Amino acid sequence: MHVEMKPIDWVKPYENNPRQNAKAVPAVVESLRRYGFRQPIVTDAKGVIVVGHTRYLAAKELGLTEVPVHIATDLSPALAREYRIADNKTAEGAEWDAKLLPIELSAGIASGADWGAMGFGALELGRLLSPSLTAREGAEPDDTPDLPITPRSRPGDLYRLGEHVLVCGDSAGDAPSAAPR
């Protein structure tokens, strides 16, 4: 497969692209910042995108002037249309391994990864990383785990979570102020 750098203005979005990419762009921007381009944008001979619309939009947002492109000269217009749809649809069939994903996410967090910037919401991360927050086999949805005998946190404790701060409080009264941990 031949990949070449092309001016970003040479690349053109496919006007009938059925995929709505806007929500994914911020995560792809962060991915490109952290890892660089690892997959080229695939175009036809005229520079019209076959696959890679989200990477293209992210590159534009980053102000890149050149992007890696694979020109798929061997695809007929009909095959390019099929590939455009198949590339997105086949990704929908994949699932996360519920045992391995939390391990990988935790290791990434320990090494400084910002999963929130790459598309994982705080609630989703909480569910994935804390088994006590996920549905347990045979448990009712409203079941809550027992409180620990000796809690680790107290009202007023502050925890820094990246650029966020978590304050432990008591809804029955004001929490005393404390220094972040």
N, C-alpha and C. Protein backbone atom coordinates (compact mmCIF):
# COMPACT_ATOMS: atom_id res chain seq x y z
N MET A 1 0.86 -1.18 0.00
CA MET A 1 0.00 0.00 0.00
C MET A 1 0.90 1.23 0.00
N HIS A 2 0.65 2.12 -0.92
CA HIS A 2 1.43 3.34 -1.04
C HIS A 2 0.70 4.48 -0.31
N VAL A 3 1.41 5.17 0.57
CA VAL A 3 0.87 6.32 1.30
C VAL A 3 1.75 7.52 0.98
N GLU A 4 1.12 8.63 0.69
CA GLU A 4 1.88 9.85 0.41
C GLU A 4 1.27 11.03 1.15
N MET A 5 2.08 12.03 1.40
CA MET A 5 1.60 13.25 2.04
C MET A 5 0.99 14.13 0.96
N LYS A 6 -0.22 14.62 1.24
CA LYS A 6 -0.92 15.50 0.30
C LYS A 6 -1.36 16.75 1.06
N PRO A 7 -1.43 17.89 0.36
CA PRO A 7 -1.98 19.09 1.01
C PRO A 7 -3.42 18.79 1.44
N ILE A 8 -3.78 19.25 2.62
CA ILE A 8 -5.12 18.95 3.14
C ILE A 8 -6.21 19.49 2.22
N ASP A 9 -5.92 20.57 1.52
CA ASP A 9 -6.92 21.13 0.60
C ASP A 9 -7.12 20.27 -0.65
N TRP A 10 -6.20 19.34 -0.92
CA TRP A 10 -6.37 18.41 -2.04
C TRP A 10 -7.46 17.39 -1.71
N VAL A 11 -7.59 17.08 -0.41
CA VAL A 11 -8.57 16.09 0.06
C VAL A 11 -9.94 16.75 0.14
N LYS A 12 -10.96 16.03 -0.34
CA LYS A 12 -12.32 16.57 -0.33
C LYS A 12 -13.28 15.56 0.31
N PRO A 13 -14.12 16.02 1.24
CA PRO A 13 -15.12 15.10 1.81
C PRO A 13 -16.08 14.60 0.73
N TYR A 14 -16.54 13.40 0.89
CA TYR A 14 -17.55 12.83 -0.01
C TYR A 14 -18.88 13.49 0.33
N GLU A 15 -19.51 14.14 -0.63
CA GLU A 15 -20.70 14.94 -0.35
C GLU A 15 -21.90 14.13 0.15
N ASN A 16 -21.95 12.84 -0.15
CA ASN A 16 -23.06 12.01 0.32
C ASN A 16 -22.65 11.08 1.47
N ASN A 17 -21.62 11.47 2.22
CA ASN A 17 -21.17 10.64 3.33
C ASN A 17 -22.32 10.41 4.31
N PRO A 18 -22.75 9.15 4.49
CA PRO A 18 -23.89 8.89 5.37
C PRO A 18 -23.53 8.86 6.86
N ARG A 19 -22.27 8.97 7.16
CA ARG A 19 -21.81 8.90 8.56
C ARG A 19 -21.77 10.32 9.12
N GLN A 20 -22.31 10.49 10.33
CA GLN A 20 -22.26 11.78 11.01
C GLN A 20 -21.10 11.72 12.00
N ASN A 21 -20.05 12.48 11.73
CA ASN A 21 -18.78 12.35 12.43
C ASN A 21 -18.54 13.39 13.51
N ALA A 22 -19.31 14.43 13.59
CA ALA A 22 -19.00 15.59 14.43
C ALA A 22 -18.70 15.22 15.89
N LYS A 23 -19.46 14.31 16.48
CA LYS A 23 -19.25 13.98 17.89
C LYS A 23 -17.92 13.26 18.14
N ALA A 24 -17.40 12.59 17.13
CA ALA A 24 -16.15 11.84 17.28
C ALA A 24 -14.91 12.70 17.06
N VAL A 25 -15.08 13.87 16.46
CA VAL A 25 -13.92 14.68 16.10
C VAL A 25 -13.04 15.05 17.30
N PRO A 26 -13.59 15.53 18.43
CA PRO A 26 -12.70 15.89 19.55
C PRO A 26 -11.82 14.74 20.03
N ALA A 27 -12.36 13.53 20.07
CA ALA A 27 -11.56 12.38 20.50
C ALA A 27 -10.47 12.06 19.47
N VAL A 28 -10.78 12.21 18.20
CA VAL A 28 -9.78 11.95 17.15
C VAL A 28 -8.72 13.05 17.14
N VAL A 29 -9.12 14.29 17.42
CA VAL A 29 -8.14 15.37 17.56
C VAL A 29 -7.13 15.00 18.65
N GLU A 30 -7.63 14.55 19.79
CA GLU A 30 -6.74 14.17 20.90
C GLU A 30 -5.87 12.99 20.50
N SER A 31 -6.45 12.02 19.81
CA SER A 31 -5.68 10.86 19.35
C SER A 31 -4.55 11.29 18.41
N LEU A 32 -4.86 12.18 17.47
CA LEU A 32 -3.82 12.65 16.55
C LEU A 32 -2.74 13.44 17.28
N ARG A 33 -3.15 14.22 18.29
CA ARG A 33 -2.16 14.95 19.09
C ARG A 33 -1.20 13.99 19.80
N ARG A 34 -1.78 12.97 20.41
CA ARG A 34 -0.98 12.05 21.22
C ARG A 34 -0.16 11.07 20.39
N TYR A 35 -0.75 10.55 19.33
CA TYR A 35 -0.12 9.43 18.62
C TYR A 35 0.29 9.76 17.19
N GLY A 36 -0.17 10.90 16.66
CA GLY A 36 0.09 11.22 15.27
C GLY A 36 -0.82 10.41 14.36
N PHE A 37 -0.68 10.62 13.07
CA PHE A 37 -1.45 9.86 12.09
C PHE A 37 -0.88 8.44 12.03
N ARG A 38 -1.68 7.43 12.25
CA ARG A 38 -1.25 6.04 12.14
C ARG A 38 -2.07 5.31 11.08
N GLN A 39 -3.12 5.96 10.58
CA GLN A 39 -3.92 5.42 9.50
C GLN A 39 -4.12 6.53 8.49
N PRO A 40 -3.81 6.29 7.23
CA PRO A 40 -3.99 7.35 6.25
C PRO A 40 -5.47 7.57 5.93
N ILE A 41 -5.75 8.69 5.33
CA ILE A 41 -7.06 8.93 4.75
C ILE A 41 -7.04 8.23 3.39
N VAL A 42 -8.10 7.52 3.07
CA VAL A 42 -8.18 6.82 1.78
C VAL A 42 -9.06 7.66 0.87
N THR A 43 -8.54 7.98 -0.32
CA THR A 43 -9.30 8.77 -1.29
C THR A 43 -9.34 8.05 -2.64
N ASP A 44 -10.17 8.59 -3.52
CA ASP A 44 -10.13 8.14 -4.91
C ASP A 44 -9.08 9.01 -5.64
N ALA A 45 -8.94 8.83 -6.92
CA ALA A 45 -7.91 9.54 -7.69
C ALA A 45 -8.13 11.06 -7.72
N LYS A 46 -9.37 11.49 -7.47
CA LYS A 46 -9.67 12.94 -7.47
C LYS A 46 -9.55 13.56 -6.09
N GLY A 47 -9.16 12.76 -5.09
CA GLY A 47 -9.00 13.29 -3.74
C GLY A 47 -10.26 13.23 -2.89
N VAL A 48 -11.31 12.61 -3.38
CA VAL A 48 -12.56 12.49 -2.62
C VAL A 48 -12.40 11.36 -1.61
N ILE A 49 -12.74 11.64 -0.37
CA ILE A 49 -12.54 10.67 0.72
C ILE A 49 -13.41 9.44 0.51
N VAL A 50 -12.77 8.28 0.61
CA VAL A 50 -13.47 7.00 0.65
C VAL A 50 -13.67 6.64 2.12
N VAL A 51 -12.58 6.58 2.89
CA VAL A 51 -12.67 6.41 4.34
C VAL A 51 -11.68 7.37 5.00
N GLY A 52 -12.06 7.86 6.17
CA GLY A 52 -11.19 8.76 6.91
C GLY A 52 -11.77 10.15 7.09
N HIS A 53 -13.08 10.30 6.96
CA HIS A 53 -13.70 11.62 7.14
C HIS A 53 -13.42 12.22 8.52
N THR A 54 -13.48 11.41 9.55
CA THR A 54 -13.26 11.95 10.90
C THR A 54 -11.80 12.37 11.08
N ARG A 55 -10.87 11.58 10.56
CA ARG A 55 -9.45 11.97 10.62
C ARG A 55 -9.24 13.27 9.85
N TYR A 56 -9.90 13.42 8.70
CA TYR A 56 -9.80 14.64 7.91
C TYR A 56 -10.31 15.84 8.72
N LEU A 57 -11.49 15.72 9.33
CA LEU A 57 -12.05 16.83 10.11
C LEU A 57 -11.15 17.17 11.30
N ALA A 58 -10.59 16.15 11.95
CA ALA A 58 -9.69 16.39 13.08
C ALA A 58 -8.42 17.08 12.61
N ALA A 59 -7.88 16.67 11.47
CA ALA A 59 -6.68 17.30 10.93
C ALA A 59 -6.94 18.77 10.60
N LYS A 60 -8.12 19.06 10.03
CA LYS A 60 -8.49 20.45 9.75
C LYS A 60 -8.55 21.25 11.06
N GLU A 61 -9.17 20.67 12.08
CA GLU A 61 -9.28 21.36 13.37
C GLU A 61 -7.90 21.63 13.98
N LEU A 62 -6.97 20.72 13.76
CA LEU A 62 -5.61 20.89 14.28
C LEU A 62 -4.78 21.87 13.43
N GLY A 63 -5.33 22.26 12.31
CA GLY A 63 -4.60 23.18 11.44
C GLY A 63 -3.50 22.53 10.63
N LEU A 64 -3.57 21.22 10.43
CA LEU A 64 -2.55 20.53 9.64
C LEU A 64 -2.65 20.98 8.18
N THR A 65 -1.54 21.11 7.56
CA THR A 65 -1.52 21.53 6.14
C THR A 65 -1.33 20.35 5.21
N GLU A 66 -0.82 19.23 5.73
CA GLU A 66 -0.64 18.01 4.94
C GLU A 66 -1.15 16.82 5.75
N VAL A 67 -1.64 15.83 5.05
CA VAL A 67 -2.13 14.61 5.69
C VAL A 67 -1.67 13.39 4.89
N PRO A 68 -1.48 12.25 5.55
CA PRO A 68 -1.13 11.03 4.81
C PRO A 68 -2.36 10.49 4.08
N VAL A 69 -2.16 10.15 2.83
CA VAL A 69 -3.26 9.71 1.98
C VAL A 69 -2.86 8.45 1.23
N HIS A 70 -3.79 7.53 1.16
CA HIS A 70 -3.65 6.38 0.26
C HIS A 70 -4.68 6.59 -0.84
N ILE A 71 -4.22 6.68 -2.06
CA ILE A 71 -5.13 6.88 -3.19
C ILE A 71 -5.50 5.49 -3.72
N ALA A 72 -6.75 5.14 -3.55
CA ALA A 72 -7.24 3.81 -3.91
C ALA A 72 -7.65 3.79 -5.38
N THR A 73 -6.66 3.76 -6.25
CA THR A 73 -6.93 3.79 -7.69
C THR A 73 -7.54 2.48 -8.20
N ASP A 74 -7.44 1.44 -7.39
CA ASP A 74 -7.96 0.14 -7.82
C ASP A 74 -9.43 -0.07 -7.46
N LEU A 75 -10.07 0.92 -6.83
CA LEU A 75 -11.48 0.78 -6.47
C LEU A 75 -12.34 1.52 -7.48
N SER A 76 -13.30 0.81 -8.04
CA SER A 76 -14.28 1.46 -8.92
C SER A 76 -15.16 2.34 -8.06
N PRO A 77 -15.92 3.26 -8.64
CA PRO A 77 -16.83 4.07 -7.83
C PRO A 77 -17.81 3.21 -7.01
N ALA A 78 -18.26 2.11 -7.57
CA ALA A 78 -19.17 1.22 -6.85
C ALA A 78 -18.47 0.57 -5.66
N LEU A 79 -17.23 0.10 -5.86
CA LEU A 79 -16.49 -0.50 -4.74
C LEU A 79 -16.12 0.54 -3.69
N ALA A 80 -15.80 1.75 -4.11
CA ALA A 80 -15.50 2.82 -3.15
C ALA A 80 -16.72 3.10 -2.29
N ARG A 81 -17.91 3.12 -2.89
CA ARG A 81 -19.16 3.34 -2.13
C ARG A 81 -19.35 2.20 -1.12
N GLU A 82 -19.16 0.97 -1.57
CA GLU A 82 -19.31 -0.18 -0.68
C GLU A 82 -18.32 -0.11 0.48
N TYR A 83 -17.05 0.19 0.16
CA TYR A 83 -16.00 0.24 1.18
C TYR A 83 -16.29 1.35 2.20
N ARG A 84 -16.76 2.50 1.71
CA ARG A 84 -17.08 3.63 2.58
C ARG A 84 -18.08 3.21 3.66
N ILE A 85 -19.09 2.47 3.27
CA ILE A 85 -20.11 2.03 4.22
C ILE A 85 -19.60 0.85 5.04
N ALA A 86 -18.96 -0.12 4.39
CA ALA A 86 -18.49 -1.32 5.09
C ALA A 86 -17.45 -0.98 6.16
N ASP A 87 -16.58 -0.02 5.89
CA ASP A 87 -15.55 0.35 6.86
C ASP A 87 -16.16 0.81 8.18
N ASN A 88 -17.24 1.57 8.10
CA ASN A 88 -17.91 2.04 9.31
C ASN A 88 -18.80 0.96 9.93
N LYS A 89 -19.51 0.24 9.11
CA LYS A 89 -20.45 -0.76 9.63
C LYS A 89 -19.74 -1.92 10.31
N THR A 90 -18.64 -2.38 9.74
CA THR A 90 -17.95 -3.52 10.34
C THR A 90 -17.40 -3.19 11.72
N ALA A 91 -17.05 -1.93 11.98
CA ALA A 91 -16.55 -1.54 13.30
C ALA A 91 -17.64 -1.65 14.36
N GLU A 92 -18.90 -1.51 13.96
CA GLU A 92 -20.00 -1.61 14.91
C GLU A 92 -20.17 -3.02 15.47
N GLY A 93 -19.65 -4.01 14.78
CA GLY A 93 -19.80 -5.40 15.22
C GLY A 93 -18.83 -5.78 16.33
N ALA A 94 -17.83 -4.97 16.57
CA ALA A 94 -16.84 -5.28 17.60
C ALA A 94 -17.39 -4.94 18.99
N GLU A 95 -16.96 -5.69 19.99
CA GLU A 95 -17.36 -5.44 21.37
C GLU A 95 -16.12 -5.41 22.25
N TRP A 96 -16.22 -4.76 23.39
CA TRP A 96 -15.13 -4.72 24.35
C TRP A 96 -15.15 -5.99 25.19
N ASP A 97 -13.99 -6.48 25.55
CA ASP A 97 -13.87 -7.59 26.49
C ASP A 97 -13.99 -6.99 27.88
N ALA A 98 -15.07 -7.30 28.59
CA ALA A 98 -15.39 -6.68 29.87
C ALA A 98 -14.36 -6.97 30.96
N LYS A 99 -13.56 -8.01 30.80
CA LYS A 99 -12.52 -8.31 31.79
C LYS A 99 -11.21 -7.61 31.47
N LEU A 100 -10.89 -7.48 30.19
CA LEU A 100 -9.61 -6.89 29.79
C LEU A 100 -9.64 -5.37 29.69
N LEU A 101 -10.78 -4.80 29.29
CA LEU A 101 -10.84 -3.36 29.11
C LEU A 101 -10.52 -2.60 30.40
N PRO A 102 -11.09 -2.95 31.55
CA PRO A 102 -10.74 -2.22 32.78
C PRO A 102 -9.25 -2.30 33.12
N ILE A 103 -8.63 -3.42 32.81
CA ILE A 103 -7.19 -3.58 33.08
C ILE A 103 -6.40 -2.61 32.20
N GLU A 104 -6.75 -2.56 30.93
CA GLU A 104 -6.05 -1.66 30.01
C GLU A 104 -6.31 -0.20 30.33
N LEU A 105 -7.56 0.13 30.68
CA LEU A 105 -7.88 1.52 31.05
C LEU A 105 -7.11 1.94 32.30
N SER A 106 -7.08 1.07 33.31
CA SER A 106 -6.36 1.38 34.55
C SER A 106 -4.88 1.58 34.29
N ALA A 107 -4.29 0.73 33.48
CA ALA A 107 -2.86 0.87 33.15
C ALA A 107 -2.62 2.18 32.41
N GLY A 108 -3.53 2.53 31.53
CA GLY A 108 -3.40 3.79 30.80
C GLY A 108 -3.51 4.99 31.72
N ILE A 109 -4.45 4.95 32.66
CA ILE A 109 -4.60 6.04 33.62
C ILE A 109 -3.34 6.17 34.46
N ALA A 110 -2.79 5.05 34.88
CA ALA A 110 -1.57 5.07 35.69
C ALA A 110 -0.40 5.69 34.92
N SER A 111 -0.42 5.57 33.59
CA SER A 111 0.67 6.15 32.80
C SER A 111 0.34 7.54 32.28
N GLY A 112 -0.81 8.08 32.71
CA GLY A 112 -1.14 9.46 32.36
C GLY A 112 -2.13 9.66 31.24
N ALA A 113 -2.76 8.59 30.76
CA ALA A 113 -3.73 8.74 29.67
C ALA A 113 -4.95 9.52 30.15
N ASP A 114 -5.47 10.34 29.30
CA ASP A 114 -6.69 11.09 29.58
C ASP A 114 -7.81 10.48 28.74
N TRP A 115 -8.44 9.44 29.27
CA TRP A 115 -9.46 8.73 28.51
C TRP A 115 -10.67 9.61 28.23
N GLY A 116 -10.94 10.57 29.10
CA GLY A 116 -12.05 11.48 28.86
C GLY A 116 -11.87 12.26 27.57
N ALA A 117 -10.65 12.69 27.31
CA ALA A 117 -10.38 13.44 26.08
C ALA A 117 -10.46 12.54 24.86
N MET A 118 -10.41 11.24 25.06
CA MET A 118 -10.45 10.32 23.93
C MET A 118 -11.77 9.58 23.81
N GLY A 119 -12.81 10.17 24.41
CA GLY A 119 -14.15 9.66 24.15
C GLY A 119 -14.84 8.90 25.27
N PHE A 120 -14.16 8.58 26.35
CA PHE A 120 -14.82 7.89 27.46
C PHE A 120 -15.35 8.94 28.42
N GLY A 121 -16.65 8.90 28.71
CA GLY A 121 -17.23 9.81 29.69
C GLY A 121 -16.91 9.38 31.10
N ALA A 122 -17.05 10.31 32.06
CA ALA A 122 -16.72 10.02 33.46
C ALA A 122 -17.58 8.88 34.02
N LEU A 123 -18.88 8.89 33.72
CA LEU A 123 -19.75 7.83 34.24
C LEU A 123 -19.38 6.48 33.64
N GLU A 124 -19.07 6.48 32.36
CA GLU A 124 -18.67 5.24 31.69
C GLU A 124 -17.39 4.70 32.31
N LEU A 125 -16.40 5.58 32.52
CA LEU A 125 -15.15 5.14 33.15
C LEU A 125 -15.41 4.61 34.56
N GLY A 126 -16.25 5.30 35.31
CA GLY A 126 -16.58 4.84 36.66
C GLY A 126 -17.18 3.45 36.65
N ARG A 127 -18.10 3.21 35.73
CA ARG A 127 -18.72 1.88 35.62
C ARG A 127 -17.70 0.83 35.24
N LEU A 128 -16.82 1.17 34.30
CA LEU A 128 -15.84 0.19 33.82
C LEU A 128 -14.76 -0.11 34.85
N LEU A 129 -14.38 0.88 35.65
CA LEU A 129 -13.25 0.72 36.56
C LEU A 129 -13.64 0.32 37.97
N SER A 130 -14.91 0.40 38.30
CA SER A 130 -15.34 0.07 39.66
C SER A 130 -16.40 -1.01 39.62
N PRO A 131 -16.02 -2.25 39.89
CA PRO A 131 -17.01 -3.34 39.85
C PRO A 131 -18.20 -3.10 40.77
N SER A 132 -18.01 -2.34 41.85
CA SER A 132 -19.12 -2.09 42.77
C SER A 132 -20.16 -1.18 42.14
N LEU A 133 -19.81 -0.47 41.06
CA LEU A 133 -20.76 0.41 40.40
C LEU A 133 -21.49 -0.28 39.26
N THR A 134 -21.04 -1.46 38.87
CA THR A 134 -21.68 -2.16 37.75
C THR A 134 -22.65 -3.20 38.30
N ALA A 135 -23.56 -3.60 37.46
CA ALA A 135 -24.54 -4.61 37.88
C ALA A 135 -23.82 -5.92 38.17
N ARG A 136 -24.09 -6.46 39.34
CA ARG A 136 -23.50 -7.74 39.70
C ARG A 136 -24.50 -8.84 39.31
N GLU A 137 -24.00 -10.01 39.01
CA GLU A 137 -24.87 -11.11 38.62
C GLU A 137 -25.86 -11.40 39.75
N GLY A 138 -27.14 -11.38 39.41
CA GLY A 138 -28.18 -11.66 40.39
C GLY A 138 -28.55 -10.47 41.25
N ALA A 139 -27.91 -9.34 41.10
CA ALA A 139 -28.21 -8.18 41.93
C ALA A 139 -29.37 -7.39 41.32
N GLU A 140 -30.13 -6.75 42.17
CA GLU A 140 -31.19 -5.87 41.71
C GLU A 140 -30.56 -4.53 41.34
N PRO A 141 -31.12 -3.83 40.35
CA PRO A 141 -30.53 -2.55 39.93
C PRO A 141 -30.41 -1.53 41.05
N ASP A 142 -31.31 -1.58 42.04
CA ASP A 142 -31.27 -0.59 43.12
C ASP A 142 -30.43 -1.04 44.31
N ASP A 143 -29.84 -2.25 44.26
CA ASP A 143 -28.97 -2.69 45.34
C ASP A 143 -27.75 -1.79 45.43
N THR A 144 -27.32 -1.52 46.63
CA THR A 144 -26.09 -0.77 46.82
C THR A 144 -25.16 -1.60 47.69
N PRO A 145 -23.86 -1.48 47.47
CA PRO A 145 -22.93 -2.25 48.30
C PRO A 145 -22.94 -1.72 49.74
N ASP A 146 -22.57 -2.61 50.69
CA ASP A 146 -22.47 -2.18 52.09
C ASP A 146 -21.37 -1.15 52.22
N LEU A 147 -21.57 -0.22 53.15
CA LEU A 147 -20.54 0.78 53.44
C LEU A 147 -19.37 0.10 54.13
N PRO A 148 -18.17 0.55 53.86
CA PRO A 148 -17.03 -0.04 54.55
C PRO A 148 -17.06 0.32 56.05
N ILE A 149 -16.50 -0.57 56.88
CA ILE A 149 -16.47 -0.31 58.32
C ILE A 149 -15.65 0.94 58.60
N THR A 150 -14.51 1.04 57.96
CA THR A 150 -13.66 2.23 58.11
C THR A 150 -13.56 2.91 56.75
N PRO A 151 -14.34 3.98 56.55
CA PRO A 151 -14.28 4.65 55.25
C PRO A 151 -12.91 5.27 54.99
N ARG A 152 -12.53 5.31 53.73
CA ARG A 152 -11.25 5.93 53.36
C ARG A 152 -11.35 7.44 53.29
N SER A 153 -12.52 7.94 52.96
CA SER A 153 -12.67 9.39 52.81
C SER A 153 -13.57 9.94 53.90
N ARG A 154 -13.42 11.24 54.12
CA ARG A 154 -14.22 11.94 55.11
C ARG A 154 -14.78 13.21 54.47
N PRO A 155 -15.88 13.72 54.97
CA PRO A 155 -16.38 14.98 54.44
C PRO A 155 -15.27 16.04 54.50
N GLY A 156 -15.12 16.73 53.39
CA GLY A 156 -14.09 17.76 53.31
C GLY A 156 -12.85 17.31 52.57
N ASP A 157 -12.67 15.99 52.39
CA ASP A 157 -11.52 15.51 51.63
C ASP A 157 -11.64 15.98 50.18
N LEU A 158 -10.51 16.36 49.61
CA LEU A 158 -10.45 16.77 48.21
C LEU A 158 -9.50 15.83 47.49
N TYR A 159 -9.90 15.39 46.31
CA TYR A 159 -9.05 14.53 45.49
C TYR A 159 -8.87 15.19 44.14
N ARG A 160 -7.65 15.26 43.66
CA ARG A 160 -7.38 15.77 42.32
C ARG A 160 -7.48 14.60 41.35
N LEU A 161 -8.29 14.77 40.32
CA LEU A 161 -8.49 13.76 39.28
C LEU A 161 -8.13 14.41 37.95
N GLY A 162 -6.85 14.43 37.65
CA GLY A 162 -6.40 15.15 36.46
C GLY A 162 -6.62 16.63 36.69
N GLU A 163 -7.38 17.26 35.80
CA GLU A 163 -7.66 18.68 35.99
C GLU A 163 -8.96 18.91 36.76
N HIS A 164 -9.55 17.84 37.27
CA HIS A 164 -10.78 17.94 38.04
C HIS A 164 -10.49 17.74 39.53
N VAL A 165 -11.44 18.18 40.35
CA VAL A 165 -11.33 18.00 41.80
C VAL A 165 -12.62 17.37 42.29
N LEU A 166 -12.50 16.34 43.11
CA LEU A 166 -13.64 15.69 43.72
C LEU A 166 -13.67 16.10 45.18
N VAL A 167 -14.80 16.63 45.65
CA VAL A 167 -14.95 17.05 47.04
C VAL A 167 -15.91 16.09 47.71
N CYS A 168 -15.48 15.50 48.82
CA CYS A 168 -16.35 14.62 49.59
C CYS A 168 -17.15 15.48 50.55
N GLY A 169 -18.45 15.33 50.51
CA GLY A 169 -19.30 16.17 51.34
C GLY A 169 -20.38 15.37 52.04
N ASP A 170 -21.20 16.10 52.73
CA ASP A 170 -22.31 15.53 53.48
C ASP A 170 -23.52 16.37 53.15
N SER A 171 -24.54 15.77 52.57
CA SER A 171 -25.70 16.56 52.14
C SER A 171 -26.48 17.13 53.32
N ALA A 172 -26.18 16.67 54.53
CA ALA A 172 -26.87 17.17 55.71
C ALA A 172 -26.20 18.40 56.31
N GLY A 173 -25.01 18.76 55.86
CA GLY A 173 -24.32 19.92 56.43
C GLY A 173 -23.14 20.32 55.59
N ASP A 174 -22.46 21.36 55.99
CA ASP A 174 -21.29 21.83 55.26
C ASP A 174 -20.10 20.96 55.56
N ALA A 175 -19.31 20.72 54.54
CA ALA A 175 -18.08 19.93 54.70
C ALA A 175 -16.95 20.89 55.07
N PRO A 176 -16.14 20.53 56.03
CA PRO A 176 -14.98 21.37 56.37
C PRO A 176 -14.00 21.38 55.21
N SER A 177 -13.25 22.47 55.07
CA SER A 177 -12.30 22.54 53.98
C SER A 177 -11.06 21.73 54.32
N ALA A 178 -10.42 21.21 53.29
CA ALA A 178 -9.20 20.41 53.48
C ALA A 178 -8.31 20.63 52.28
N ALA A 179 -7.07 20.29 52.41
CA ALA A 179 -6.11 20.40 51.30
C ALA A 179 -6.28 19.21 50.37
N PRO A 180 -6.07 19.42 49.06
CA PRO A 180 -6.17 18.29 48.13
C PRO A 180 -5.14 17.22 48.45
N ARG A 181 -5.54 15.97 48.23
CA ARG A 181 -4.63 14.84 48.44
C ARG A 181 -3.76 14.63 47.26
